[in-house]
């Protein structure tokens, strides 16, 4: 399910680094996390949806790669993002 425009704008506004920022690692990870959470809810009702499960694995791997890059380049931003999103408790 696609994100509503207003919801996506709110996520971007919360995690952006500057006024025109829409593609930084933080924004991308936050958007991916939201999509992953939505798909996880979807699988509670549709356990046999194998095609969407493949897409979910792709999203999780993409988020993992972005987080690894952010951890390597700027550990402070990485720690703040992990805490804000509630990942890796």
Protein backbone atom coordinates (compact mmCIF):
# COMPACT_ATOMS: atom_id res chain seq x y z
CA UNK A 1 0.00 0.00 0.00
CA UNK A 2 1.41 3.36 -0.98
CA UNK A 3 1.94 6.11 1.55
CA UNK A 4 -0.50 8.99 1.65
CA UNK A 5 1.06 12.22 0.44
CA UNK A 6 0.49 14.03 3.74
CA UNK A 7 1.92 11.15 5.76
CA UNK A 8 5.01 10.97 3.57
CA UNK A 9 5.54 14.74 3.83
CA UNK A 10 5.31 14.52 7.63
CA UNK A 11 7.98 11.80 7.72
CA UNK A 12 10.25 13.78 5.41
CA UNK A 13 9.76 16.93 7.49
CA UNK A 14 10.65 15.08 10.70
CA UNK A 15 13.86 13.43 9.44
CA UNK A 16 15.25 15.91 6.92
CA UNK A 17 18.62 17.60 7.46
CA UNK A 18 17.80 20.89 5.71
CA UNK A 19 14.81 22.67 4.21
CA UNK A 20 15.19 21.12 0.74
CA UNK A 21 16.30 17.66 1.90
CA UNK A 22 14.16 14.81 0.61
CA UNK A 23 16.72 12.10 -0.12
CA UNK A 24 19.18 11.87 2.73
CA UNK A 25 19.84 8.51 4.34
CA UNK A 26 17.70 9.40 7.34
CA UNK A 27 14.68 10.26 5.21
CA UNK A 28 15.08 7.15 3.06
CA UNK A 29 15.41 4.85 6.08
CA UNK A 30 12.39 6.44 7.76
CA UNK A 31 10.25 5.98 4.65
CA UNK A 32 11.43 2.39 4.21
CA UNK A 33 10.72 1.65 7.87
CA UNK A 34 7.18 2.94 7.46
CA UNK A 35 6.61 0.77 4.37
CA UNK A 36 8.06 -2.27 6.18
CA UNK A 37 5.71 -1.73 9.11
CA UNK A 38 2.72 -1.42 6.76
CA UNK A 39 3.67 -4.65 4.97
CA UNK A 40 4.13 -6.43 8.29
CA UNK A 41 0.55 -5.52 9.22
CA UNK A 42 -0.58 -6.78 5.80
CA UNK A 43 0.99 -10.20 6.44
CA UNK A 44 -1.05 -10.72 9.60
CA UNK A 45 -4.15 -11.02 7.41
CA UNK A 46 -2.54 -12.46 4.26
CA UNK A 47 -0.07 -15.11 5.36
CA UNK A 48 0.33 -16.70 1.91
CA UNK A 49 1.17 -13.53 -0.03
CA UNK A 50 4.54 -14.75 -1.28
CA UNK A 51 5.03 -12.02 -3.87
CA UNK A 52 4.73 -9.27 -1.28
CA UNK A 53 7.06 -11.18 1.03
CA UNK A 54 9.71 -10.98 -1.65
CA UNK A 55 9.18 -7.24 -1.84
CA UNK A 56 9.44 -7.00 1.94
CA UNK A 57 12.80 -8.76 1.90
CA UNK A 58 13.99 -6.30 -0.74
CA UNK A 59 12.91 -3.33 1.40
CA UNK A 60 14.59 -4.74 4.51
CA UNK A 61 17.84 -5.30 2.61
CA UNK A 62 17.72 -1.80 1.16
CA UNK A 63 17.21 -0.32 4.63
CA UNK A 64 20.04 -2.46 6.01
CA UNK A 65 22.42 -1.18 3.33
CA UNK A 66 21.49 2.45 3.98
CA UNK A 67 21.97 1.99 7.73
CA UNK A 68 25.36 0.35 7.18
CA UNK A 69 26.44 3.27 5.00
CA UNK A 70 25.24 5.81 7.56
CA UNK A 71 26.99 3.95 10.39
CA UNK A 72 30.22 3.93 8.41
CA UNK A 73 30.11 7.61 7.44
CA UNK A 74 28.51 9.33 10.46
CA UNK A 75 27.97 7.24 13.58
CA UNK A 76 26.27 10.04 15.55
CA UNK A 77 23.51 10.47 12.96
CA UNK A 78 23.18 6.66 12.81
CA UNK A 79 22.66 6.34 16.58
CA UNK A 80 20.14 9.20 16.61
CA UNK A 81 18.17 7.68 13.73
CA UNK A 82 18.09 4.22 15.32
CA UNK A 83 16.77 5.74 18.55
CA UNK A 84 14.18 7.89 16.79
CA UNK A 85 12.82 4.96 14.78
CA UNK A 86 13.01 2.45 17.61
CA UNK A 87 15.16 -0.01 15.65
CA UNK A 88 17.69 -2.40 17.19
CA UNK A 89 16.66 -2.06 20.79
